[in-house]
Amino acid sequence: MDINDFLKNFADQFDDTDPTLIRPETRFRDIDEWSSLNALAVLNMIGKKYKVIVTADELRNINTVEELYDFMISKQK
Protein backbone atom coordinates (compact mmCIF):
# COMPACT_ATOMS: atom_id res chain seq x y z
CA MET A 1 0.00 0.00 0.00
CA ASP A 2 1.21 3.48 -0.76
CA ILE A 3 -0.12 6.95 -0.19
CA ASN A 4 -1.47 7.21 -3.76
CA ASP A 5 -3.81 4.27 -3.13
CA PHE A 6 -4.84 5.84 0.15
CA LEU A 7 -5.50 9.19 -1.55
CA LYS A 8 -7.79 7.48 -4.07
CA ASN A 9 -9.67 5.61 -1.34
CA PHE A 10 -9.92 8.78 0.75
CA ALA A 11 -11.23 10.79 -2.24
CA ASP A 12 -13.82 8.08 -2.94
CA GLN A 13 -15.55 9.04 0.32
CA PHE A 14 -16.67 12.35 -1.23
CA ASP A 15 -19.42 12.78 -3.82
CA ASP A 16 -18.87 16.34 -5.02
CA THR A 17 -15.16 16.96 -4.44
CA ASP A 18 -12.77 16.71 -7.38
CA PRO A 19 -10.38 13.86 -6.43
CA THR A 20 -7.43 15.72 -7.97
CA LEU A 21 -7.81 18.37 -5.26
CA ILE A 22 -7.03 15.84 -2.55
CA ARG A 23 -3.29 15.64 -2.04
CA PRO A 24 -1.09 14.48 0.84
CA GLU A 25 -0.86 18.04 2.19
CA THR A 26 -4.62 18.63 1.98
CA ARG A 27 -6.12 19.71 5.29
CA PHE A 28 -9.21 17.53 5.07
CA ARG A 29 -11.31 19.75 7.35
CA ASP A 30 -10.86 22.50 4.73
CA ILE A 31 -12.62 20.42 2.06
CA ASP A 32 -15.98 22.11 1.47
CA GLU A 33 -17.79 18.79 1.56
CA TRP A 34 -16.17 17.67 4.86
CA SER A 35 -18.70 16.80 7.55
CA SER A 36 -19.11 14.40 10.44
CA LEU A 37 -20.64 11.93 7.98
CA ASN A 38 -17.54 12.09 5.78
CA ALA A 39 -15.39 11.60 8.87
CA LEU A 40 -17.31 8.44 9.70
CA ALA A 41 -17.07 7.25 6.10
CA VAL A 42 -13.29 7.77 6.13
CA LEU A 43 -12.90 5.93 9.45
CA ASN A 44 -15.08 3.10 8.14
CA MET A 45 -13.04 2.88 4.92
CA ILE A 46 -9.79 2.68 6.90
CA GLY A 47 -11.22 -0.09 9.08
CA LYS A 48 -12.51 -2.15 6.15
CA LYS A 49 -9.74 -1.66 3.58
CA TYR A 50 -6.73 -1.43 5.87
CA LYS A 51 -7.94 -3.34 8.95
CA VAL A 52 -6.95 -0.44 11.22
CA ILE A 53 -9.18 1.19 13.78
CA VAL A 54 -8.78 4.96 13.98
CA THR A 55 -11.05 6.54 16.57
CA ALA A 56 -12.82 9.86 16.26
CA ASP A 57 -10.68 11.17 19.13
CA GLU A 58 -7.52 10.20 17.24
CA LEU A 59 -8.85 11.82 14.07
CA ARG A 60 -9.36 15.10 15.93
CA ASN A 61 -5.59 15.36 16.42
CA ILE A 62 -4.80 14.81 12.73
CA ASN A 63 -4.86 17.63 10.20
CA THR A 64 -3.76 16.45 6.77
CA VAL A 65 -4.42 13.40 4.63
CA GLU A 66 -0.73 12.48 4.85
CA GLU A 67 -0.79 12.69 8.65
CA LEU A 68 -3.79 10.36 8.64
CA TYR A 69 -2.00 7.95 6.30
CA ASP A 70 1.15 7.99 8.46
CA PHE A 71 -0.88 7.46 11.62
CA MET A 72 -2.72 4.54 10.05
CA ILE A 73 0.58 2.96 8.93
CA SER A 74 1.99 3.33 12.44
CA LYS A 75 -1.02 1.50 13.87
CA GLN A 76 -0.54 -1.40 11.45
CA LYS A 77 2.82 -2.26 12.95
PDB file of N, CA and C in Angstrom:
ATOM      1  N   MET A   1       0.847  -1.178   0.000  1.00  0.00           N
ATOM      2  CA  MET A   1       0.000   0.000   0.000  1.00  0.00           C
ATOM      3  C   MET A   1       0.891   1.239   0.000  1.00  0.00           C
ATOM      4  N   ASP A   2       0.484   2.213  -0.770  1.00  0.00           N
ATOM      5  CA  ASP A   2       1.209   3.477  -0.760  1.00  0.00           C
ATOM      6  C   ASP A   2       0.215   4.623  -0.615  1.00  0.00           C
ATOM      7  N   ILE A   3       0.753   5.801  -0.463  1.00  0.00           N
ATOM      8  CA  ILE A   3      -0.116   6.948  -0.192  1.00  0.00           C
ATOM      9  C   ILE A   3      -1.036   7.257  -1.377  1.00  0.00           C
ATOM     10  N   ASN A   4      -0.609   6.935  -2.599  1.00  0.00           N
ATOM     11  CA  ASN A   4      -1.472   7.207  -3.759  1.00  0.00           C
ATOM     12  C   ASN A   4      -2.745   6.364  -3.721  1.00  0.00           C
ATOM     13  N   ASP A   5      -2.619   5.115  -3.302  1.00  0.00           N
ATOM     14  CA  ASP A   5      -3.811   4.273  -3.134  1.00  0.00           C
ATOM     15  C   ASP A   5      -4.704   4.835  -2.036  1.00  0.00           C
ATOM     16  N   PHE A   6      -4.076   5.264  -0.961  1.00  0.00           N
ATOM     17  CA  PHE A   6      -4.837   5.840   0.150  1.00  0.00           C
ATOM     18  C   PHE A   6      -5.556   7.118  -0.290  1.00  0.00           C
ATOM     19  N   LEU A   7      -4.871   7.953  -1.055  1.00  0.00           N
ATOM     20  CA  LEU A   7      -5.502   9.190  -1.549  1.00  0.00           C
ATOM     21  C   LEU A   7      -6.745   8.878  -2.379  1.00  0.00           C
ATOM     22  N   LYS A   8      -6.639   7.872  -3.248  1.00  0.00           N
ATOM     23  CA  LYS A   8      -7.789   7.484  -4.066  1.00  0.00           C
ATOM     24  C   LYS A   8      -8.927   6.998  -3.185  1.00  0.00           C
ATOM     25  N   ASN A   9      -8.629   6.127  -2.233  1.00  0.00           N
ATOM     26  CA  ASN A   9      -9.671   5.608  -1.340  1.00  0.00           C
ATOM     27  C   ASN A   9     -10.270   6.716  -0.482  1.00  0.00           C
ATOM     28  N   PHE A  10      -9.441   7.643  -0.032  1.00  0.00           N
ATOM     29  CA  PHE A  10      -9.920   8.781   0.749  1.00  0.00           C
ATOM     30  C   PHE A  10     -10.858   9.624  -0.114  1.00  0.00           C
ATOM     31  N   ALA A  11     -10.430   9.944  -1.338  1.00  0.00           N
ATOM     32  CA  ALA A  11     -11.231  10.786  -2.238  1.00  0.00           C
ATOM     33  C   ALA A  11     -12.559  10.128  -2.588  1.00  0.00           C
ATOM     34  N   ASP A  12     -12.584   8.805  -2.626  1.00  0.00           N
ATOM     35  CA  ASP A  12     -13.822   8.083  -2.943  1.00  0.00           C
ATOM     36  C   ASP A  12     -14.914   8.295  -1.897  1.00  0.00           C
ATOM     37  N   GLN A  13     -14.565   8.829  -0.749  1.00  0.00           N
ATOM     38  CA  GLN A  13     -15.547   9.044   0.318  1.00  0.00           C
ATOM     39  C   GLN A  13     -16.344  10.343   0.105  1.00  0.00           C
ATOM     40  N   PHE A  14     -16.018  11.078  -0.947  1.00  0.00           N
ATOM     41  CA  PHE A  14     -16.674  12.348  -1.235  1.00  0.00           C
ATOM     42  C   PHE A  14     -17.415  12.250  -2.560  1.00  0.00           C
ATOM     43  N   ASP A  15     -18.608  12.817  -2.600  1.00  0.00           N
ATOM     44  CA  ASP A  15     -19.424  12.781  -3.819  1.00  0.00           C
ATOM     45  C   ASP A  15     -19.136  13.941  -4.755  1.00  0.00           C
ATOM     46  N   ASP A  16     -18.932  15.134  -4.202  1.00  0.00           N
ATOM     47  CA  ASP A  16     -18.869  16.337  -5.020  1.00  0.00           C
ATOM     48  C   ASP A  16     -17.496  16.990  -5.081  1.00  0.00           C
ATOM     49  N   THR A  17     -16.501  16.375  -4.463  1.00  0.00           N
ATOM     50  CA  THR A  17     -15.165  16.962  -4.443  1.00  0.00           C
ATOM     51  C   THR A  17     -14.307  16.334  -5.532  1.00  0.00           C
ATOM     52  N   ASP A  18     -13.666  17.177  -6.321  1.00  0.00           N
ATOM     53  CA  ASP A  18     -12.768  16.711  -7.377  1.00  0.00           C
ATOM     54  C   ASP A  18     -11.605  15.951  -6.729  1.00  0.00           C
ATOM     55  N   PRO A  19     -11.433  14.666  -7.064  1.00  0.00           N
ATOM     56  CA  PRO A  19     -10.381  13.864  -6.426  1.00  0.00           C
ATOM     57  C   PRO A  19      -8.976  14.409  -6.642  1.00  0.00           C
ATOM     58  N   THR A  20      -8.760  15.173  -7.731  1.00  0.00           N
ATOM     59  CA  THR A  20      -7.427  15.718  -7.975  1.00  0.00           C
ATOM     60  C   THR A  20      -7.066  16.823  -6.985  1.00  0.00           C
ATOM     61  N   LEU A  21      -8.067  17.332  -6.261  1.00  0.00           N
ATOM     62  CA  LEU A  21      -7.813  18.369  -5.260  1.00  0.00           C
ATOM     63  C   LEU A  21      -7.334  17.785  -3.932  1.00  0.00           C
ATOM     64  N   ILE A  22      -7.438  16.479  -3.795  1.00  0.00           N
ATOM     65  CA  ILE A  22      -7.033  15.840  -2.545  1.00  0.00           C
ATOM     66  C   ILE A  22      -5.611  15.321  -2.720  1.00  0.00           C
ATOM     67  N   ARG A  23      -4.717  15.957  -1.987  1.00  0.00           N
ATOM     68  CA  ARG A  23      -3.290  15.638  -2.045  1.00  0.00           C
ATOM     69  C   ARG A  23      -2.812  15.306  -0.636  1.00  0.00           C
ATOM     70  N   PRO A  24      -1.585  14.806  -0.500  1.00  0.00           N
ATOM     71  CA  PRO A  24      -1.093  14.481   0.841  1.00  0.00           C
ATOM     72  C   PRO A  24      -1.166  15.669   1.809  1.00  0.00           C
ATOM     73  N   GLU A  25      -0.886  16.858   1.319  1.00  0.00           N
ATOM     74  CA  GLU A  25      -0.864  18.035   2.194  1.00  0.00           C
ATOM     75  C   GLU A  25      -2.243  18.654   2.432  1.00  0.00           C
ATOM     76  N   THR A  26      -3.270  18.092   1.824  1.00  0.00           N
ATOM     77  CA  THR A  26      -4.624  18.632   1.982  1.00  0.00           C
ATOM     78  C   THR A  26      -5.070  18.542   3.434  1.00  0.00           C
ATOM     79  N   ARG A  27      -5.529  19.663   3.947  1.00  0.00           N
ATOM     80  CA  ARG A  27      -6.121  19.706   5.290  1.00  0.00           C
ATOM     81  C   ARG A  27      -7.588  19.314   5.094  1.00  0.00           C
ATOM     82  N   PHE A  28      -7.901  18.078   5.464  1.00  0.00           N
ATOM     83  CA  PHE A  28      -9.208  17.532   5.074  1.00  0.00           C
ATOM     84  C   PHE A  28     -10.377  18.298   5.667  1.00  0.00           C
ATOM     85  N   ARG A  29     -10.206  18.953   6.785  1.00  0.00           N
ATOM     86  CA  ARG A  29     -11.306  19.754   7.349  1.00  0.00           C
ATOM     87  C   ARG A  29     -11.597  20.998   6.507  1.00  0.00           C
ATOM     88  N   ASP A  30     -10.659  21.354   5.621  1.00  0.00           N
ATOM     89  CA  ASP A  30     -10.856  22.499   4.728  1.00  0.00           C
ATOM     90  C   ASP A  30     -11.597  22.130   3.446  1.00  0.00           C
ATOM     91  N   ILE A  31     -11.839  20.844   3.227  1.00  0.00           N
ATOM     92  CA  ILE A  31     -12.616  20.417   2.058  1.00  0.00           C
ATOM     93  C   ILE A  31     -14.063  20.860   2.281  1.00  0.00           C
ATOM     94  N   ASP A  32     -14.624  21.576   1.320  1.00  0.00           N
ATOM     95  CA  ASP A  32     -15.983  22.115   1.470  1.00  0.00           C
ATOM     96  C   ASP A  32     -16.993  21.045   1.866  1.00  0.00           C
ATOM     97  N   GLU A  33     -16.838  19.873   1.336  1.00  0.00           N
ATOM     98  CA  GLU A  33     -17.791  18.789   1.565  1.00  0.00           C
ATOM     99  C   GLU A  33     -17.576  18.065   2.909  1.00  0.00           C
ATOM    100  N   TRP A  34     -16.487  18.368   3.618  1.00  0.00           N
ATOM    101  CA  TRP A  34     -16.173  17.670   4.864  1.00  0.00           C
ATOM    102  C   TRP A  34     -17.291  17.866   5.887  1.00  0.00           C
ATOM    103  N   SER A  35     -17.687  16.764   6.492  1.00  0.00           N
ATOM    104  CA  SER A  35     -18.701  16.795   7.546  1.00  0.00           C
ATOM    105  C   SER A  35     -18.460  15.624   8.473  1.00  0.00           C
ATOM    106  N   SER A  36     -19.241  15.535   9.520  1.00  0.00           N
ATOM    107  CA  SER A  36     -19.113  14.399  10.435  1.00  0.00           C
ATOM    108  C   SER A  36     -19.442  13.089   9.713  1.00  0.00           C
ATOM    109  N   LEU A  37     -20.330  13.136   8.745  1.00  0.00           N
ATOM    110  CA  LEU A  37     -20.642  11.930   7.980  1.00  0.00           C
ATOM    111  C   LEU A  37     -19.455  11.484   7.133  1.00  0.00           C
ATOM    112  N   ASN A  38     -18.741  12.445   6.534  1.00  0.00           N
ATOM    113  CA  ASN A  38     -17.544  12.087   5.776  1.00  0.00           C
ATOM    114  C   ASN A  38     -16.470  11.537   6.710  1.00  0.00           C
ATOM    115  N   ALA A  39     -16.359  12.104   7.893  1.00  0.00           N
ATOM    116  CA  ALA A  39     -15.390  11.598   8.870  1.00  0.00           C
ATOM    117  C   ALA A  39     -15.683  10.136   9.189  1.00  0.00           C
ATOM    118  N   LEU A  40     -16.940   9.829   9.423  1.00  0.00           N
ATOM    119  CA  LEU A  40     -17.313   8.439   9.705  1.00  0.00           C
ATOM    120  C   LEU A  40     -17.045   7.536   8.502  1.00  0.00           C
ATOM    121  N   ALA A  41     -17.321   8.038   7.308  1.00  0.00           N
ATOM    122  CA  ALA A  41     -17.066   7.249   6.098  1.00  0.00           C
ATOM    123  C   ALA A  41     -15.575   6.964   5.943  1.00  0.00           C
ATOM    124  N   VAL A  42     -14.736   7.953   6.219  1.00  0.00           N
ATOM    125  CA  VAL A  42     -13.287   7.767   6.125  1.00  0.00           C
ATOM    126  C   VAL A  42     -12.821   6.752   7.160  1.00  0.00           C
ATOM    127  N   LEU A  43     -13.293   6.882   8.401  1.00  0.00           N
ATOM    128  CA  LEU A  43     -12.904   5.931   9.445  1.00  0.00           C
ATOM    129  C   LEU A  43     -13.362   4.523   9.106  1.00  0.00           C
ATOM    130  N   ASN A  44     -14.555   4.400   8.553  1.00  0.00           N
ATOM    131  CA  ASN A  44     -15.076   3.096   8.139  1.00  0.00           C
ATOM    132  C   ASN A  44     -14.236   2.510   7.001  1.00  0.00           C
ATOM    133  N   MET A  45     -13.873   3.328   6.031  1.00  0.00           N
ATOM    134  CA  MET A  45     -13.038   2.882   4.918  1.00  0.00           C
ATOM    135  C   MET A  45     -11.692   2.374   5.428  1.00  0.00           C
ATOM    136  N   ILE A  46     -11.083   3.094   6.356  1.00  0.00           N
ATOM    137  CA  ILE A  46      -9.790   2.680   6.903  1.00  0.00           C
ATOM    138  C   ILE A  46      -9.931   1.336   7.617  1.00  0.00           C
ATOM    139  N   GLY A  47     -10.997   1.175   8.380  1.00  0.00           N
ATOM    140  CA  GLY A  47     -11.219  -0.088   9.078  1.00  0.00           C
ATOM    141  C   GLY A  47     -11.417  -1.255   8.125  1.00  0.00           C
ATOM    142  N   LYS A  48     -12.205  -1.049   7.080  1.00  0.00           N
ATOM    143  CA  LYS A  48     -12.508  -2.145   6.149  1.00  0.00           C
ATOM    144  C   LYS A  48     -11.360  -2.458   5.194  1.00  0.00           C
ATOM    145  N   LYS A  49     -10.772  -1.428   4.596  1.00  0.00           N
ATOM    146  CA  LYS A  49      -9.741  -1.663   3.584  1.00  0.00           C
ATOM    147  C   LYS A  49      -8.370  -1.957   4.182  1.00  0.00           C
ATOM    148  N   TYR A  50      -8.081  -1.327   5.317  1.00  0.00           N
ATOM    149  CA  TYR A  50      -6.729  -1.428   5.871  1.00  0.00           C
ATOM    150  C   TYR A  50      -6.681  -2.172   7.202  1.00  0.00           C
ATOM    151  N   LYS A  51      -7.851  -2.567   7.702  1.00  0.00           N
ATOM    152  CA  LYS A  51      -7.937  -3.341   8.950  1.00  0.00           C
ATOM    153  C   LYS A  51      -7.284  -2.603  10.124  1.00  0.00           C
ATOM    154  N   VAL A  52      -7.487  -1.291  10.156  1.00  0.00           N
ATOM    155  CA  VAL A  52      -6.950  -0.444  11.221  1.00  0.00           C
ATOM    156  C   VAL A  52      -8.099   0.358  11.801  1.00  0.00           C
ATOM    157  N   ILE A  53      -8.171   0.384  13.113  1.00  0.00           N
ATOM    158  CA  ILE A  53      -9.184   1.191  13.781  1.00  0.00           C
ATOM    159  C   ILE A  53      -8.575   2.537  14.162  1.00  0.00           C
ATOM    160  N   VAL A  54      -9.139   3.603  13.613  1.00  0.00           N
ATOM    161  CA  VAL A  54      -8.777   4.965  13.983  1.00  0.00           C
ATOM    162  C   VAL A  54     -10.024   5.546  14.632  1.00  0.00           C
ATOM    163  N   THR A  55      -9.887   6.007  15.847  1.00  0.00           N
ATOM    164  CA  THR A  55     -11.048   6.535  16.567  1.00  0.00           C
ATOM    165  C   THR A  55     -11.295   7.998  16.199  1.00  0.00           C
ATOM    166  N   ALA A  56     -12.484   8.455  16.505  1.00  0.00           N
ATOM    167  CA  ALA A  56     -12.823   9.863  16.258  1.00  0.00           C
ATOM    168  C   ALA A  56     -11.917  10.775  17.081  1.00  0.00           C
ATOM    169  N   ASP A  57     -11.585  10.375  18.299  1.00  0.00           N
ATOM    170  CA  ASP A  57     -10.675  11.175  19.129  1.00  0.00           C
ATOM    171  C   ASP A  57      -9.296  11.276  18.490  1.00  0.00           C
ATOM    172  N   GLU A  58      -8.819  10.174  17.921  1.00  0.00           N
ATOM    173  CA  GLU A  58      -7.519  10.202  17.242  1.00  0.00           C
ATOM    174  C   GLU A  58      -7.585  11.086  16.012  1.00  0.00           C
ATOM    175  N   LEU A  59      -8.686  11.006  15.277  1.00  0.00           N
ATOM    176  CA  LEU A  59      -8.846  11.821  14.070  1.00  0.00           C
ATOM    177  C   LEU A  59      -8.833  13.310  14.390  1.00  0.00           C
ATOM    178  N   ARG A  60      -9.338  13.688  15.542  1.00  0.00           N
ATOM    179  CA  ARG A  60      -9.364  15.103  15.933  1.00  0.00           C
ATOM    180  C   ARG A  60      -7.958  15.709  16.018  1.00  0.00           C
ATOM    181  N   ASN A  61      -6.962  14.873  16.276  1.00  0.00           N
ATOM    182  CA  ASN A  61      -5.585  15.362  16.418  1.00  0.00           C
ATOM    183  C   ASN A  61      -4.787  15.295  15.122  1.00  0.00           C
ATOM    184  N   ILE A  62      -5.442  14.948  14.035  1.00  0.00           N
ATOM    185  CA  ILE A  62      -4.795  14.808  12.732  1.00  0.00           C
ATOM    186  C   ILE A  62      -5.332  15.893  11.812  1.00  0.00           C
ATOM    187  N   ASN A  63      -4.438  16.492  11.030  1.00  0.00           N
ATOM    188  CA  ASN A  63      -4.864  17.631  10.204  1.00  0.00           C
ATOM    189  C   ASN A  63      -4.856  17.381   8.701  1.00  0.00           C
ATOM    190  N   THR A  64      -3.869  16.636   8.214  1.00  0.00           N
ATOM    191  CA  THR A  64      -3.762  16.448   6.768  1.00  0.00           C
ATOM    192  C   THR A  64      -3.996  14.988   6.396  1.00  0.00           C
ATOM    193  N   VAL A  65      -4.230  14.767   5.118  1.00  0.00           N
ATOM    194  CA  VAL A  65      -4.424  13.404   4.630  1.00  0.00           C
ATOM    195  C   VAL A  65      -3.146  12.593   4.855  1.00  0.00           C
ATOM    196  N   GLU A  66      -1.996  13.192   4.641  1.00  0.00           N
ATOM    197  CA  GLU A  66      -0.730  12.480   4.847  1.00  0.00           C
ATOM    198  C   GLU A  66      -0.532  12.110   6.317  1.00  0.00           C
ATOM    199  N   GLU A  67      -0.888  13.009   7.225  1.00  0.00           N
ATOM    200  CA  GLU A  67      -0.793  12.687   8.653  1.00  0.00           C
ATOM    201  C   GLU A  67      -1.700  11.506   8.995  1.00  0.00           C
ATOM    202  N   LEU A  68      -2.872  11.468   8.409  1.00  0.00           N
ATOM    203  CA  LEU A  68      -3.792  10.358   8.639  1.00  0.00           C
ATOM    204  C   LEU A  68      -3.202   9.064   8.094  1.00  0.00           C
ATOM    205  N   TYR A  69      -2.642   9.122   6.907  1.00  0.00           N
ATOM    206  CA  TYR A  69      -2.000   7.950   6.304  1.00  0.00           C
ATOM    207  C   TYR A  69      -0.855   7.459   7.201  1.00  0.00           C
ATOM    208  N   ASP A  70       0.016   8.373   7.615  1.00  0.00           N
ATOM    209  CA  ASP A  70       1.152   7.992   8.458  1.00  0.00           C
ATOM    210  C   ASP A  70       0.687   7.398   9.782  1.00  0.00           C
ATOM    211  N   PHE A  71      -0.348   7.981  10.362  1.00  0.00           N
ATOM    212  CA  PHE A  71      -0.877   7.464  11.624  1.00  0.00           C
ATOM    213  C   PHE A  71      -1.422   6.053  11.429  1.00  0.00           C
ATOM    214  N   MET A  72      -2.155   5.852  10.341  1.00  0.00           N
ATOM    215  CA  MET A  72      -2.716   4.542  10.050  1.00  0.00           C
ATOM    216  C   MET A  72      -1.609   3.505   9.871  1.00  0.00           C
ATOM    217  N   ILE A  73      -0.558   3.868   9.139  1.00  0.00           N
ATOM    218  CA  ILE A  73       0.579   2.957   8.925  1.00  0.00           C
ATOM    219  C   ILE A  73       1.222   2.612  10.265  1.00  0.00           C
ATOM    220  N   SER A  74       1.357   3.588  11.132  1.00  0.00           N
ATOM    221  CA  SER A  74       1.994   3.331  12.437  1.00  0.00           C
ATOM    222  C   SER A  74       1.159   2.384  13.285  1.00  0.00           C
ATOM    223  N   LYS A  75      -0.143   2.403  13.107  1.00  0.00           N
ATOM    224  CA  LYS A  75      -1.016   1.499  13.871  1.00  0.00           C
ATOM    225  C   LYS A  75      -1.013   0.079  13.302  1.00  0.00           C
ATOM    226  N   GLN A  76      -0.599  -0.071  12.054  1.00  0.00           N
ATOM    227  CA  GLN A  76      -0.544  -1.396  11.447  1.00  0.00           C
ATOM    228  C   GLN A  76       0.622  -2.218  11.973  1.00  0.00           C
ATOM    229  N   LYS A  77       1.610  -1.565  12.513  1.00  0.00           N
ATOM    230  CA  LYS A  77       2.822  -2.265  12.945  1.00  0.00           C
ATOM    231  C   LYS A  77       2.695  -2.808  14.350  1.00  0.00           C
TER     232      LYS A  77
END
